[in-house]
Amino acid sequence: MAEGLGNLVGGFFQSLPGSGSLTRSAINYQSGAITRMSGIYSSIIVGIAVLGLGPYARFIPKSALAGLLFITAARLIDWKRLAYAIRASRFDAALVFVTAFAAIFISVEDSILIGVAVSLLLFVPRVSKLGIRELIVTPERVVRERQPDEPRSNSLLIYDLEGELFFGAAPELDHYLDEVKQETIRTGIQCVVLRLRRTRNPDVVAIEHLEHFLREAGKRGVVVFLAGVRADLAKILRNVRFQEWLPGDRIYAEKNETYSATLNAVRHAYQLLNQDHEGEEKEAVYYLV
């Protein structure tokens, strides 16, 4: 804003346009600058040097100026931070090399934009990864992740979905929902609890895929409970009118209650199945993931 106002006012007085500089800012900072007043001080010093010592500047050897530029450029490279970023991950290393290549062969200003654009392109595939884990209710009345050597329940399937529910994750979401569907077909189980507490940033594409799964399951007589529904997801479900076709007792919002939404959904599922898997006291049920 300061540059814009300065150039706007200077335009009425035939002033040359001014702009910021990444290199000047870095040099200023390395010289011990703390506040933005350092830019004003340096401009005053440069102005005095140009007006008072300008005629003598032509005697400065160009080779000396070139050497000064090389020293300045070398000081601008933070070798420790550069090595730190390269060692961190292949993602960070790729961004470093792309940005450095663009800075050398294109321009410093454009290299920043190119680095940001590449980071966004590489970021989307990373956040589109969803994860799913199967949970079980153990004989000790604990809801936790099922280990590979443990038997599945013969009446209820519980799955914990985790990740970003946006359009980029739609193929992964379809894959996992199809796995759940195939498992219900293979086992004949008619009750499924889908835990969504660890899902984030839902959008309309993911919701459409979820709606298709729920409607198709309902046609096959499979009851699906949505447990741990966060506020943002619940709002979208209301906006797209899930309540008009999905019974309200199939959605369990994540709230600060004595019992988790997942446990409440599991209890409801066993009541629907006319089973009391949890035991005599609700307080005896534990929830671990």
C-alpha atoms as a PDB file:
ATOM      1  CA  MET A   1       0.000   0.000   0.000  1.00  0.00           C
ATOM      2  CA  ALA A   2       2.859   2.367   0.808  1.00  0.00           C
ATOM      3  CA  GLU A   3       4.464   1.749  -2.598  1.00  0.00           C
ATOM      4  CA  GLY A   4       1.141   2.228  -4.350  1.00  0.00           C
ATOM      5  CA  LEU A   5       0.405   5.506  -2.617  1.00  0.00           C
ATOM      6  CA  GLY A   6       3.985   6.705  -3.173  1.00  0.00           C
ATOM      7  CA  ASN A   7       3.841   5.988  -6.910  1.00  0.00           C
ATOM      8  CA  LEU A   8       0.378   7.531  -7.179  1.00  0.00           C
ATOM      9  CA  VAL A   9       1.491  10.803  -5.582  1.00  0.00           C
ATOM     10  CA  GLY A  10       4.863  10.757  -7.354  1.00  0.00           C
ATOM     11  CA  GLY A  11       3.108  10.510 -10.706  1.00  0.00           C
ATOM     12  CA  PHE A  12       1.957  14.114 -10.299  1.00  0.00           C
ATOM     13  CA  PHE A  13       5.544  15.289  -9.863  1.00  0.00           C
ATOM     14  CA  GLN A  14       7.258  13.388 -12.722  1.00  0.00           C
ATOM     15  CA  SER A  15       8.883  11.003 -10.232  1.00  0.00           C
ATOM     16  CA  LEU A  16      10.378   7.680 -11.251  1.00  0.00           C
ATOM     17  CA  PRO A  17       8.291   4.719 -10.074  1.00  0.00           C
ATOM     18  CA  GLY A  18       9.546   2.879  -7.013  1.00  0.00           C
ATOM     19  CA  SER A  19       9.263  -0.785  -6.138  1.00  0.00           C
ATOM     20  CA  GLY A  20      10.288  -3.299  -3.523  1.00  0.00           C
ATOM     21  CA  SER A  21      13.238  -5.624  -3.852  1.00  0.00           C
ATOM     22  CA  LEU A  22      13.750  -9.045  -2.313  1.00  0.00           C
ATOM     23  CA  THR A  23      17.529  -8.701  -2.498  1.00  0.00           C
ATOM     24  CA  ARG A  24      17.590  -5.218  -0.969  1.00  0.00           C
ATOM     25  CA  SER A  25      15.326  -6.370   1.851  1.00  0.00           C
ATOM     26  CA  ALA A  26      17.546  -9.386   2.542  1.00  0.00           C
ATOM     27  CA  ILE A  27      20.717  -7.285   2.547  1.00  0.00           C
ATOM     28  CA  ASN A  28      19.075  -4.757   4.807  1.00  0.00           C
ATOM     29  CA  TYR A  29      18.054  -7.492   7.231  1.00  0.00           C
ATOM     30  CA  GLN A  30      21.518  -9.069   7.211  1.00  0.00           C
ATOM     31  CA  SER A  31      23.025  -5.660   7.997  1.00  0.00           C
ATOM     32  CA  GLY A  32      21.075  -5.546  11.248  1.00  0.00           C
ATOM     33  CA  ALA A  33      17.858  -3.809  10.222  1.00  0.00           C
ATOM     34  CA  ILE A  34      14.970  -4.330  12.615  1.00  0.00           C
ATOM     35  CA  THR A  35      12.150  -2.000  11.554  1.00  0.00           C
ATOM     36  CA  ARG A  36      10.869  -0.596   8.274  1.00  0.00           C
ATOM     37  CA  MET A  37      12.539   2.708   9.103  1.00  0.00           C
ATOM     38  CA  SER A  38      15.771   1.089   7.920  1.00  0.00           C
ATOM     39  CA  GLY A  39      14.503   1.443   4.355  1.00  0.00           C
ATOM     40  CA  ILE A  40      14.094   5.184   4.855  1.00  0.00           C
ATOM     41  CA  TYR A  41      17.547   5.518   6.379  1.00  0.00           C
ATOM     42  CA  SER A  42      19.159   3.600   3.522  1.00  0.00           C
ATOM     43  CA  SER A  43      17.314   5.721   0.944  1.00  0.00           C
ATOM     44  CA  ILE A  44      18.591   8.903   2.628  1.00  0.00           C
ATOM     45  CA  ILE A  45      22.167   7.573   2.581  1.00  0.00           C
ATOM     46  CA  VAL A  46      21.862   6.546  -1.065  1.00  0.00           C
ATOM     47  CA  GLY A  47      20.393   9.957  -1.935  1.00  0.00           C
ATOM     48  CA  ILE A  48      23.281  11.773  -0.265  1.00  0.00           C
ATOM     49  CA  ALA A  49      25.796   9.502  -1.995  1.00  0.00           C
ATOM     50  CA  VAL A  50      24.231  10.027  -5.417  1.00  0.00           C
ATOM     51  CA  LEU A  51      23.869  13.803  -5.077  1.00  0.00           C
ATOM     52  CA  GLY A  52      27.131  14.483  -3.289  1.00  0.00           C
ATOM     53  CA  LEU A  53      29.437  11.762  -4.587  1.00  0.00           C
ATOM     54  CA  GLY A  54      27.838  11.008  -7.936  1.00  0.00           C
ATOM     55  CA  PRO A  55      30.675  12.460 -10.062  1.00  0.00           C
ATOM     56  CA  TYR A  56      33.169  10.195  -8.306  1.00  0.00           C
ATOM     57  CA  ALA A  57      31.140   7.018  -8.797  1.00  0.00           C
ATOM     58  CA  ARG A  58      32.499   6.668 -12.350  1.00  0.00           C
ATOM     59  CA  PHE A  59      35.916   5.944 -10.915  1.00  0.00           C
ATOM     60  CA  ILE A  60      34.710   2.775  -9.144  1.00  0.00           C
ATOM     61  CA  PRO A  61      36.021  -0.238 -11.113  1.00  0.00           C
ATOM     62  CA  LYS A  62      33.242  -2.400 -12.547  1.00  0.00           C
ATOM     63  CA  SER A  63      35.145  -5.466 -11.417  1.00  0.00           C
ATOM     64  CA  ALA A  64      34.861  -4.219  -7.822  1.00  0.00           C
ATOM     65  CA  LEU A  65      31.115  -3.776  -8.238  1.00  0.00           C
ATOM     66  CA  ALA A  66      30.856  -7.263  -9.762  1.00  0.00           C
ATOM     67  CA  GLY A  67      32.736  -8.742  -6.815  1.00  0.00           C
ATOM     68  CA  LEU A  68      30.448  -6.926  -4.426  1.00  0.00           C
ATOM     69  CA  LEU A  69      27.423  -8.383  -6.194  1.00  0.00           C
ATOM     70  CA  PHE A  70      28.875 -11.894  -5.949  1.00  0.00           C
ATOM     71  CA  ILE A  71      29.465 -11.460  -2.224  1.00  0.00           C
ATOM     72  CA  THR A  72      25.960 -10.110  -1.764  1.00  0.00           C
ATOM     73  CA  ALA A  73      24.436 -12.989  -3.715  1.00  0.00           C
ATOM     74  CA  ALA A  74      26.406 -15.564  -1.715  1.00  0.00           C
ATOM     75  CA  ARG A  75      25.224 -14.018   1.542  1.00  0.00           C
ATOM     76  CA  LEU A  76      21.629 -14.271   0.370  1.00  0.00           C
ATOM     77  CA  ILE A  77      21.840 -18.077   0.212  1.00  0.00           C
ATOM     78  CA  ASP A  78      21.025 -19.716   3.535  1.00  0.00           C
ATOM     79  CA  TRP A  79      22.964 -22.947   3.032  1.00  0.00           C
ATOM     80  CA  LYS A  80      21.893 -24.504   6.331  1.00  0.00           C
ATOM     81  CA  ARG A  81      18.208 -23.897   5.668  1.00  0.00           C
ATOM     82  CA  LEU A  82      18.626 -25.084   2.076  1.00  0.00           C
ATOM     83  CA  ALA A  83      20.175 -28.363   3.220  1.00  0.00           C
ATOM     84  CA  TYR A  84      17.494 -28.675   5.897  1.00  0.00           C
ATOM     85  CA  ALA A  85      14.704 -28.380   3.310  1.00  0.00           C
ATOM     86  CA  ILE A  86      16.325 -30.816   0.887  1.00  0.00           C
ATOM     87  CA  ARG A  87      16.800 -33.441   3.587  1.00  0.00           C
ATOM     88  CA  ALA A  88      13.263 -33.050   4.926  1.00  0.00           C
ATOM     89  CA  SER A  89      11.405 -34.852   2.114  1.00  0.00           C
ATOM     90  CA  ARG A  90      11.337 -35.360  -1.623  1.00  0.00           C
ATOM     91  CA  PHE A  91       8.360 -32.992  -1.783  1.00  0.00           C
ATOM     92  CA  ASP A  92      10.349 -30.154  -0.207  1.00  0.00           C
ATOM     93  CA  ALA A  93      13.467 -30.978  -2.222  1.00  0.00           C
ATOM     94  CA  ALA A  94      11.491 -30.817  -5.471  1.00  0.00           C
ATOM     95  CA  LEU A  95      10.105 -27.403  -4.533  1.00  0.00           C
ATOM     96  CA  VAL A  96      13.592 -26.127  -3.707  1.00  0.00           C
ATOM     97  CA  PHE A  97      15.051 -27.218  -7.053  1.00  0.00           C
ATOM     98  CA  VAL A  98      12.088 -25.964  -9.101  1.00  0.00           C
ATOM     99  CA  THR A  99      12.148 -22.561  -7.401  1.00  0.00           C
ATOM    100  CA  ALA A 100      15.929 -22.265  -7.693  1.00  0.00           C
ATOM    101  CA  PHE A 101      15.848 -23.235 -11.382  1.00  0.00           C
ATOM    102  CA  ALA A 102      13.129 -20.639 -12.052  1.00  0.00           C
ATOM    103  CA  ALA A 103      15.063 -17.960 -10.150  1.00  0.00           C
ATOM    104  CA  ILE A 104      18.208 -18.573 -12.232  1.00  0.00           C
ATOM    105  CA  PHE A 105      16.692 -18.988 -15.678  1.00  0.00           C
ATOM    106  CA  ILE A 106      13.482 -16.925 -15.443  1.00  0.00           C
ATOM    107  CA  SER A 107      13.371 -14.288 -12.686  1.00  0.00           C
ATOM    108  CA  VAL A 108      13.384 -14.044  -8.920  1.00  0.00           C
ATOM    109  CA  GLU A 109       9.857 -12.627  -8.741  1.00  0.00           C
ATOM    110  CA  ASP A 110       8.386 -15.235 -11.090  1.00  0.00           C
ATOM    111  CA  SER A 111      10.233 -18.035  -9.307  1.00  0.00           C
ATOM    112  CA  ILE A 112       8.189 -17.365  -6.173  1.00  0.00           C
ATOM    113  CA  LEU A 113       4.928 -17.632  -8.108  1.00  0.00           C
ATOM    114  CA  ILE A 114       6.173 -20.770  -9.876  1.00  0.00           C
ATOM    115  CA  GLY A 115       7.212 -22.330  -6.560  1.00  0.00           C
ATOM    116  CA  VAL A 116       3.806 -21.629  -5.024  1.00  0.00           C
ATOM    117  CA  ALA A 117       1.998 -23.018  -8.093  1.00  0.00           C
ATOM    118  CA  VAL A 118       4.079 -26.205  -8.090  1.00  0.00           C
ATOM    119  CA  SER A 119       3.550 -26.660  -4.355  1.00  0.00           C
ATOM    120  CA  LEU A 120      -0.215 -26.478  -4.892  1.00  0.00           C
ATOM    121  CA  LEU A 121      -0.053 -29.000  -7.731  1.00  0.00           C
ATOM    122  CA  LEU A 122       1.984 -31.400  -5.601  1.00  0.00           C
ATOM    123  CA  PHE A 123      -0.136 -30.777  -2.517  1.00  0.00           C
ATOM    124  CA  VAL A 124      -3.454 -31.878  -4.022  1.00  0.00           C
ATOM    125  CA  PRO A 125      -2.427 -35.538  -4.566  1.00  0.00           C
ATOM    126  CA  ARG A 126      -1.041 -35.683  -1.034  1.00  0.00           C
ATOM    127  CA  VAL A 127      -4.220 -34.497   0.667  1.00  0.00           C
ATOM    128  CA  SER A 128      -6.422 -36.647  -1.576  1.00  0.00           C
ATOM    129  CA  LYS A 129      -5.279 -39.748   0.292  1.00  0.00           C
ATOM    130  CA  LEU A 130      -7.935 -41.216   2.552  1.00  0.00           C
ATOM    131  CA  GLY A 131      -7.434 -43.889   5.163  1.00  0.00           C
ATOM    132  CA  ILE A 132      -9.861 -46.436   6.551  1.00  0.00           C
ATOM    133  CA  ARG A 133      -9.595 -48.736   9.535  1.00  0.00           C
ATOM    134  CA  GLU A 134     -11.918 -51.455  10.702  1.00  0.00           C
ATOM    135  CA  LEU A 135     -13.024 -51.292  14.329  1.00  0.00           C
ATOM    136  CA  ILE A 136     -14.490 -54.030  16.492  1.00  0.00           C
ATOM    137  CA  VAL A 137     -16.254 -54.351  19.818  1.00  0.00           C
ATOM    138  CA  THR A 138     -14.093 -56.682  21.872  1.00  0.00           C
ATOM    139  CA  PRO A 139     -15.365 -59.145  24.495  1.00  0.00           C
ATOM    140  CA  GLU A 140     -14.022 -56.676  27.079  1.00  0.00           C
ATOM    141  CA  ARG A 141     -16.550 -54.130  25.715  1.00  0.00           C
ATOM    142  CA  VAL A 142     -13.870 -51.970  24.137  1.00  0.00           C
ATOM    143  CA  VAL A 143     -14.342 -50.389  20.693  1.00  0.00           C
ATOM    144  CA  ARG A 144     -10.939 -50.296  19.048  1.00  0.00           C
ATOM    145  CA  GLU A 145      -9.081 -51.041  15.817  1.00  0.00           C
ATOM    146  CA  ARG A 146      -9.259 -54.644  14.689  1.00  0.00           C
ATOM    147  CA  GLN A 147      -5.940 -56.441  14.447  1.00  0.00           C
ATOM    148  CA  PRO A 148      -5.239 -58.684  11.425  1.00  0.00           C
ATOM    149  CA  ASP A 149      -5.444 -61.876  13.486  1.00  0.00           C
ATOM    150  CA  GLU A 150      -8.727 -60.986  15.216  1.00  0.00           C
ATOM    151  CA  PRO A 151     -12.096 -62.265  13.985  1.00  0.00           C
ATOM    152  CA  ARG A 152     -14.668 -59.886  12.583  1.00  0.00           C
ATOM    153  CA  SER A 153     -18.067 -59.383  14.135  1.00  0.00           C
ATOM    154  CA  ASN A 154     -20.780 -61.533  12.592  1.00  0.00           C
ATOM    155  CA  SER A 155     -23.472 -58.875  12.972  1.00  0.00           C
ATOM    156  CA  LEU A 156     -21.946 -55.395  12.784  1.00  0.00           C
ATOM    157  CA  LEU A 157     -19.253 -53.682  10.722  1.00  0.00           C
ATOM    158  CA  ILE A 158     -17.531 -50.557  12.090  1.00  0.00           C
ATOM    159  CA  TYR A 159     -15.198 -48.456   9.953  1.00  0.00           C
ATOM    160  CA  ASP A 160     -13.198 -45.356  10.811  1.00  0.00           C
ATOM    161  CA  LEU A 161     -12.619 -43.059   7.822  1.00  0.00           C
ATOM    162  CA  GLU A 162      -9.884 -40.423   7.969  1.00  0.00           C
ATOM    163  CA  GLY A 163      -8.771 -37.686   5.565  1.00  0.00           C
ATOM    164  CA  GLU A 164      -9.956 -34.764   3.467  1.00  0.00           C
ATOM    165  CA  LEU A 165     -13.447 -35.189   1.989  1.00  0.00           C
ATOM    166  CA  PHE A 166     -13.005 -33.026  -1.090  1.00  0.00           C
ATOM    167  CA  PHE A 167     -13.228 -33.659  -4.823  1.00  0.00           C
ATOM    168  CA  GLY A 168      -9.619 -34.804  -5.088  1.00  0.00           C
ATOM    169  CA  ALA A 169     -10.317 -37.657  -2.666  1.00  0.00           C
ATOM    170  CA  ALA A 170     -13.456 -38.848  -4.481  1.00  0.00           C
ATOM    171  CA  PRO A 171     -11.745 -41.846  -6.173  1.00  0.00           C
ATOM    172  CA  GLU A 172     -10.301 -43.000  -2.833  1.00  0.00           C
ATOM    173  CA  LEU A 173     -13.673 -42.503  -1.143  1.00  0.00           C
ATOM    174  CA  ASP A 174     -15.408 -44.549  -3.819  1.00  0.00           C
ATOM    175  CA  HIS A 175     -12.828 -47.299  -3.418  1.00  0.00           C
ATOM    176  CA  TYR A 176     -13.313 -47.576   0.346  1.00  0.00           C
ATOM    177  CA  LEU A 177     -17.100 -47.344   0.197  1.00  0.00           C
ATOM    178  CA  ASP A 178     -17.095 -50.083  -2.414  1.00  0.00           C
ATOM    179  CA  GLU A 179     -14.983 -52.220  -0.069  1.00  0.00           C
ATOM    180  CA  VAL A 180     -17.588 -51.717   2.653  1.00  0.00           C
ATOM    181  CA  LYS A 181     -20.332 -52.648   0.199  1.00  0.00           C
ATOM    182  CA  GLN A 182     -18.557 -55.804  -0.911  1.00  0.00           C
ATOM    183  CA  GLU A 183     -17.964 -56.797   2.716  1.00  0.00           C
ATOM    184  CA  THR A 184     -21.673 -56.491   3.523  1.00  0.00           C
ATOM    185  CA  ILE A 185     -22.508 -58.590   0.464  1.00  0.00           C
ATOM    186  CA  ARG A 186     -19.922 -61.244   1.353  1.00  0.00           C
ATOM    187  CA  THR A 187     -20.862 -61.538   5.028  1.00  0.00           C
ATOM    188  CA  GLY A 188     -24.555 -60.723   4.807  1.00  0.00           C
ATOM    189  CA  ILE A 189     -24.189 -58.175   7.628  1.00  0.00           C
ATOM    190  CA  GLN A 190     -27.002 -55.645   7.601  1.00  0.00           C
ATOM    191  CA  CYS A 191     -25.625 -52.982   9.987  1.00  0.00           C
ATOM    192  CA  VAL A 192     -22.660 -50.673   9.376  1.00  0.00           C
ATOM    193  CA  VAL A 193     -21.279 -47.863  11.535  1.00  0.00           C
ATOM    194  CA  LEU A 194     -19.219 -45.393   9.512  1.00  0.00           C
ATOM    195  CA  ARG A 195     -17.140 -43.153  11.778  1.00  0.00           C
ATOM    196  CA  LEU A 196     -16.473 -39.750  10.182  1.00  0.00           C
ATOM    197  CA  ARG A 197     -14.951 -37.853  13.089  1.00  0.00           C
ATOM    198  CA  ARG A 198     -11.495 -37.768  11.455  1.00  0.00           C
ATOM    199  CA  THR A 199     -12.733 -36.476   8.113  1.00  0.00           C
ATOM    200  CA  ARG A 200     -12.236 -32.810   7.229  1.00  0.00           C
ATOM    201  CA  ASN A 201     -13.284 -30.147   4.710  1.00  0.00           C
ATOM    202  CA  PRO A 202     -16.192 -31.954   3.016  1.00  0.00           C
ATOM    203  CA  ASP A 203     -17.431 -30.664  -0.331  1.00  0.00           C
ATOM    204  CA  VAL A 204     -20.362 -31.434  -2.585  1.00  0.00           C
ATOM    205  CA  VAL A 205     -18.518 -34.041  -4.688  1.00  0.00           C
ATOM    206  CA  ALA A 206     -17.666 -36.211  -1.674  1.00  0.00           C
ATOM    207  CA  ILE A 207     -21.175 -35.758  -0.263  1.00  0.00           C
ATOM    208  CA  GLU A 208     -22.675 -36.935  -3.554  1.00  0.00           C
ATOM    209  CA  HIS A 209     -20.594 -40.110  -3.411  1.00  0.00           C
ATOM    210  CA  LEU A 210     -21.603 -40.662   0.213  1.00  0.00           C
ATOM    211  CA  GLU A 211     -25.274 -40.145  -0.651  1.00  0.00           C
ATOM    212  CA  HIS A 212     -25.046 -42.650  -3.489  1.00  0.00           C
ATOM    213  CA  PHE A 213     -23.520 -45.212  -1.111  1.00  0.00           C
ATOM    214  CA  LEU A 214     -26.209 -44.661   1.540  1.00  0.00           C
ATOM    215  CA  ARG A 215     -29.094 -44.853  -0.925  1.00  0.00           C
ATOM    216  CA  GLU A 216     -27.709 -47.996  -2.545  1.00  0.00           C
ATOM    217  CA  ALA A 217     -27.180 -49.591   0.877  1.00  0.00           C
ATOM    218  CA  GLY A 218     -30.747 -48.753   1.865  1.00  0.00           C
ATOM    219  CA  LYS A 219     -32.083 -50.489  -1.249  1.00  0.00           C
ATOM    220  CA  ARG A 220     -30.236 -53.657  -0.176  1.00  0.00           C
ATOM    221  CA  GLY A 221     -31.621 -53.427   3.342  1.00  0.00           C
ATOM    222  CA  VAL A 222     -28.311 -52.410   4.921  1.00  0.00           C
ATOM    223  CA  VAL A 223     -28.593 -49.864   7.736  1.00  0.00           C
ATOM    224  CA  VAL A 224     -25.684 -47.406   7.826  1.00  0.00           C
ATOM    225  CA  PHE A 225     -25.066 -45.172  10.844  1.00  0.00           C
ATOM    226  CA  LEU A 226     -22.931 -42.059  10.417  1.00  0.00           C
ATOM    227  CA  ALA A 227     -21.051 -41.511  13.680  1.00  0.00           C
ATOM    228  CA  GLY A 228     -18.875 -38.628  14.794  1.00  0.00           C
ATOM    229  CA  VAL A 229     -20.350 -36.206  12.264  1.00  0.00           C
ATOM    230  CA  ARG A 230     -18.576 -32.870  12.705  1.00  0.00           C
ATOM    231  CA  ALA A 231     -20.350 -29.524  12.565  1.00  0.00           C
ATOM    232  CA  ASP A 232     -19.174 -28.625   9.041  1.00  0.00           C
ATOM    233  CA  LEU A 233     -20.294 -31.971   7.646  1.00  0.00           C
ATOM    234  CA  ALA A 234     -23.614 -31.830   9.512  1.00  0.00           C
ATOM    235  CA  LYS A 235     -24.295 -28.389   8.032  1.00  0.00           C
ATOM    236  CA  ILE A 236     -23.716 -29.627   4.481  1.00  0.00           C
ATOM    237  CA  LEU A 237     -25.946 -32.649   5.096  1.00  0.00           C
ATOM    238  CA  ARG A 238     -28.728 -30.306   6.218  1.00  0.00           C
ATOM    239  CA  ASN A 239     -28.156 -27.987   3.259  1.00  0.00           C
ATOM    240  CA  VAL A 240     -28.533 -30.834   0.748  1.00  0.00           C
ATOM    241  CA  ARG A 241     -31.581 -32.138   2.685  1.00  0.00           C
ATOM    242  CA  PHE A 242     -30.331 -35.508   3.848  1.00  0.00           C
ATOM    243  CA  GLN A 243     -33.001 -35.346   6.564  1.00  0.00           C
ATOM    244  CA  GLU A 244     -35.744 -35.726   3.954  1.00  0.00           C
ATOM    245  CA  TRP A 245     -34.748 -39.304   3.131  1.00  0.00           C
ATOM    246  CA  LEU A 246     -32.289 -40.420   5.833  1.00  0.00           C
ATOM    247  CA  PRO A 247     -33.820 -41.046   9.306  1.00  0.00           C
ATOM    248  CA  GLY A 248     -32.488 -38.726  11.977  1.00  0.00           C
ATOM    249  CA  ASP A 249     -31.393 -41.622  14.208  1.00  0.00           C
ATOM    250  CA  ARG A 250     -28.852 -42.684  11.555  1.00  0.00           C
ATOM    251  CA  ILE A 251     -26.677 -39.593  12.146  1.00  0.00           C
ATOM    252  CA  TYR A 252     -24.745 -39.130  15.372  1.00  0.00           C
ATOM    253  CA  ALA A 253     -23.077 -35.758  15.709  1.00  0.00           C
ATOM    254  CA  GLU A 254     -19.785 -35.460  17.578  1.00  0.00           C
ATOM    255  CA  LYS A 255     -20.572 -33.550  20.756  1.00  0.00           C
ATOM    256  CA  ASN A 256     -19.079 -33.187  24.213  1.00  0.00           C
ATOM    257  CA  GLU A 257     -21.221 -35.877  25.756  1.00  0.00           C
ATOM    258  CA  THR A 258     -20.607 -38.577  28.353  1.00  0.00           C
ATOM    259  CA  TYR A 259     -20.544 -41.184  25.612  1.00  0.00           C
ATOM    260  CA  SER A 260     -19.025 -40.723  22.188  1.00  0.00           C
ATOM    261  CA  ALA A 261     -21.131 -40.575  19.059  1.00  0.00           C
ATOM    262  CA  THR A 262     -19.520 -43.814  17.894  1.00  0.00           C
ATOM    263  CA  LEU A 263     -20.543 -45.682  21.042  1.00  0.00           C
ATOM    264  CA  ASN A 264     -24.086 -44.345  20.755  1.00  0.00           C
ATOM    265  CA  ALA A 265     -24.247 -45.505  17.151  1.00  0.00           C
ATOM    266  CA  VAL A 266     -22.909 -48.958  18.128  1.00  0.00           C
ATOM    267  CA  ARG A 267     -25.500 -49.261  20.908  1.00  0.00           C
ATOM    268  CA  HIS A 268     -28.284 -48.292  18.523  1.00  0.00           C
ATOM    269  CA  ALA A 269     -27.051 -50.828  15.975  1.00  0.00           C
ATOM    270  CA  TYR A 270     -27.105 -53.651  18.551  1.00  0.00           C
ATOM    271  CA  GLN A 271     -30.545 -52.589  19.737  1.00  0.00           C
ATOM    272  CA  LEU A 272     -31.683 -52.811  16.142  1.00  0.00           C
ATOM    273  CA  LEU A 273     -30.182 -56.285  15.981  1.00  0.00           C
ATOM    274  CA  ASN A 274     -31.824 -57.176  19.316  1.00  0.00           C
ATOM    275  CA  GLN A 275     -28.434 -57.819  20.895  1.00  0.00           C
ATOM    276  CA  ASP A 276     -26.838 -56.394  24.034  1.00  0.00           C
ATOM    277  CA  HIS A 277     -23.176 -56.771  23.219  1.00  0.00           C
ATOM    278  CA  GLU A 278     -22.090 -53.968  25.504  1.00  0.00           C
ATOM    279  CA  GLY A 279     -23.133 -55.508  28.813  1.00  0.00           C
ATOM    280  CA  GLU A 280     -25.435 -54.519  31.610  1.00  0.00           C
ATOM    281  CA  GLU A 281     -24.049 -51.062  32.306  1.00  0.00           C
ATOM    282  CA  LYS A 282     -23.400 -48.412  29.706  1.00  0.00           C
ATOM    283  CA  GLU A 283     -20.638 -47.088  31.913  1.00  0.00           C
ATOM    284  CA  ALA A 284     -18.757 -50.344  31.350  1.00  0.00           C
ATOM    285  CA  VAL A 285     -18.232 -49.628  27.664  1.00  0.00           C
ATOM    286  CA  TYR A 286     -14.940 -48.040  26.622  1.00  0.00           C
ATOM    287  CA  TYR A 287     -13.943 -46.403  23.398  1.00  0.00           C
ATOM    288  CA  LEU A 288     -10.406 -46.651  22.032  1.00  0.00           C
ATOM    289  CA  VAL A 289      -9.153 -45.929  18.508  1.00  0.00           C
END
